[in-house]
Every structure is written in structure tokens, then in C-alpha cells.
Amino acid sequence: MIQKMEHVAIMVRDMDQSIRFYSDILGFKVRLHGSKPDRVMAFLYLESQPDMEIELIQEKTEATEYSETGIVNHLAFTVENIDETIYFLREKGIVFSSDEVKPTLEGGRMIFFHGPNQELLQLVEKVK
């Protein structure tokens, strides 16, 4: 079912400053930088561990309260077949944040749900 940890998402106030910090100081490489109507995102990785990433998220609205959602926004897991995984988890009593799977920035598919401590978790099916 779960193949690997995908990424950890961090809410940021200044995308350029955050990319410079993770790149110039900590040595991460930017794999993807893009936006949706409501947010700007960047995915960064270390050359020594390219299959685990940090996702930086900057909301485009000024009214965003970062402290309400926390600095670490969610933990994501890669799955081979998101529909099968959703079915399996629903059978275990998991309730998802929406009824529909949504597209990722790269054209894959994703959906959110909460863990037992209200931690936000994400399933990601990559583009094949």
C-alpha cells in the first residue's frame, strides 16, 4: 500500500527567502517551483536522498494565519494506486477531507485525511 514517505510540507511567509535558505545554506536543490491560483509551491531535495523532499508552501492571500495550521503543514506518502488505497483506508474507518481526488502540480493525484492526533496526512499517486 504505502511505498515510501514522499515529502514534508512547510508553510513559509517568503518563498524566495525560504528557497535561498534551504538551497544556499542547507544544500537542497530545487526540483520544481510552480503555483496554483491560491498558493506558490517549491519542491526541494538533497542529492544524497532524492526521493524524500521538502515542499515549501506560500499562500497567496494576506489573511493566512500560519500559526493556526502550524509550520509543518502535512506529511505525504507515495502510493501506487490511490483509488485502491482510499478504498482500503475507508474500510478501516478513515474519513477523507474531500470526496474527490485532486490533481498535483505535476499531474499526479492526491487526497488528504487526518491521523489520530489530527495531523494532516496526504496520499500521492505519481504520474506514470
Protein backbone atom coordinates (compact mmCIF):
# COMPACT_ATOMS: atom_id res chain seq x y z
CA MET A 1 0.00 0.00 0.00
CA ILE A 2 2.33 2.81 1.18
CA GLN A 3 5.55 2.76 -0.84
CA LYS A 4 7.57 5.50 0.88
CA MET A 5 7.44 8.84 2.63
CA GLU A 6 7.00 11.41 -0.10
CA HIS A 7 7.60 14.83 1.45
CA VAL A 8 7.09 17.10 4.42
CA ALA A 9 5.30 20.37 3.66
CA ILE A 10 6.35 23.55 5.41
CA MET A 11 4.31 26.76 5.39
CA VAL A 12 6.51 29.77 4.55
CA ARG A 13 5.92 33.52 4.52
CA ASP A 14 8.57 34.38 1.90
CA MET A 15 9.18 31.77 -0.82
CA ASP A 16 12.36 33.33 -2.24
CA GLN A 17 13.93 33.70 1.20
CA SER A 18 12.99 30.11 2.08
CA ILE A 19 14.39 28.69 -1.16
CA ARG A 20 17.64 30.60 -0.60
CA PHE A 21 17.88 29.23 2.98
CA TYR A 22 17.30 25.60 2.02
CA SER A 23 19.46 25.85 -1.13
CA ASP A 24 22.34 28.14 -0.20
CA ILE A 25 22.70 27.22 3.47
CA LEU A 26 21.45 23.62 3.74
CA GLY A 27 22.41 22.40 0.26
CA PHE A 28 18.99 21.40 -1.13
CA LYS A 29 18.29 21.53 -4.89
CA VAL A 30 15.04 22.89 -6.32
CA ARG A 31 13.29 20.18 -8.34
CA LEU A 32 10.06 22.06 -9.09
CA HIS A 33 8.78 25.58 -8.49
CA GLY A 34 5.25 26.49 -9.54
CA SER A 35 1.93 27.90 -8.48
CA LYS A 36 -1.79 27.31 -8.30
CA PRO A 37 -4.39 30.08 -8.00
CA ASP A 38 -4.15 30.17 -4.20
CA ARG A 39 -0.52 29.24 -3.46
CA VAL A 40 3.09 29.09 -4.61
CA MET A 41 4.97 25.83 -4.07
CA ALA A 42 8.50 24.55 -4.40
CA PHE A 43 9.86 21.02 -4.01
CA LEU A 44 13.45 20.63 -2.85
CA TYR A 45 15.66 17.57 -2.34
CA LEU A 46 19.14 16.55 -1.28
CA GLU A 47 21.29 14.81 -3.90
CA SER A 48 22.09 12.11 -1.31
CA GLN A 49 18.34 11.40 -0.80
CA PRO A 50 16.45 12.49 -3.93
CA ASP A 51 13.29 10.51 -3.20
CA MET A 52 12.41 12.42 0.01
CA GLU A 53 11.55 16.08 -0.42
CA ILE A 54 10.62 19.25 1.38
CA GLU A 55 7.61 21.08 -0.06
CA LEU A 56 7.54 24.80 0.65
CA ILE A 57 4.08 26.40 0.51
CA GLN A 58 3.36 30.12 0.47
CA GLU A 59 -0.30 31.11 0.47
CA LYS A 60 -1.15 33.99 -1.87
CA THR A 61 -3.78 35.51 0.42
CA GLU A 62 -2.68 38.03 3.02
CA ALA A 63 -5.25 36.76 5.52
CA THR A 64 -3.48 33.42 6.03
CA GLU A 65 -2.73 32.67 9.67
CA TYR A 66 0.25 30.35 9.58
CA SER A 67 0.14 29.67 13.30
CA GLU A 68 -3.34 28.11 13.00
CA THR A 69 -2.18 25.38 10.65
CA GLY A 70 1.32 25.07 12.06
CA ILE A 71 4.64 25.48 10.36
CA VAL A 72 4.74 21.84 9.27
CA ASN A 73 1.59 21.54 7.19
CA HIS A 74 1.39 17.84 6.30
CA LEU A 75 3.19 14.53 5.83
CA ALA A 76 2.80 12.89 2.42
CA PHE A 77 3.09 9.25 1.38
CA THR A 78 3.53 7.86 -2.12
CA VAL A 79 1.08 5.13 -3.10
CA GLU A 80 1.00 3.02 -6.24
CA ASN A 81 -2.79 3.11 -6.71
CA ILE A 82 -4.60 5.90 -4.90
CA ASP A 83 -8.08 4.51 -5.57
CA GLU A 84 -7.24 1.13 -4.02
CA THR A 85 -5.57 2.82 -1.05
CA ILE A 86 -8.57 5.09 -0.46
CA TYR A 87 -10.89 2.08 -0.57
CA PHE A 88 -8.69 0.18 1.90
CA LEU A 89 -8.47 3.13 4.32
CA ARG A 90 -12.21 3.86 4.11
CA GLU A 91 -12.82 0.23 5.09
CA LYS A 92 -10.69 0.97 8.19
CA GLY A 93 -12.88 3.96 9.07
CA ILE A 94 -10.71 6.74 7.64
CA VAL A 95 -12.66 9.83 6.54
CA PHE A 96 -11.02 11.93 3.83
CA SER A 97 -11.00 15.72 3.68
CA SER A 98 -12.87 15.67 0.38
CA ASP A 99 -14.81 13.16 -1.68
CA GLU A 100 -12.69 13.72 -4.76
CA VAL A 101 -9.05 13.09 -5.56
CA LYS A 102 -7.35 16.29 -6.74
CA PRO A 103 -4.52 16.85 -9.23
CA THR A 104 -0.98 17.56 -8.08
CA LEU A 105 1.19 20.27 -9.57
CA GLU A 106 2.91 17.58 -11.69
CA GLY A 107 -0.28 15.95 -12.97
CA GLY A 108 -0.47 13.15 -10.42
CA ARG A 109 -3.31 12.67 -7.97
CA MET A 110 -3.65 13.39 -4.23
CA ILE A 111 -6.05 13.42 -1.31
CA PHE A 112 -5.82 14.46 2.37
CA PHE A 113 -7.00 12.86 5.61
CA HIS A 114 -6.20 13.18 9.32
CA GLY A 115 -4.32 10.86 11.63
CA PRO A 116 -5.40 10.07 15.18
CA ASN A 117 -3.91 13.30 16.57
CA GLN A 118 -5.44 15.47 13.84
CA GLU A 119 -2.14 15.51 11.95
CA LEU A 120 -2.74 16.22 8.27
CA LEU A 121 -1.69 13.32 6.02
CA GLN A 122 -1.61 13.16 2.22
CA LEU A 123 -1.63 10.28 -0.25
CA VAL A 124 0.13 10.97 -3.57
CA GLU A 125 -0.05 8.88 -6.72
CA LYS A 126 2.74 9.95 -9.05
CA VAL A 127 2.37 10.30 -12.82
CA LYS A 128 3.34 7.05 -14.51
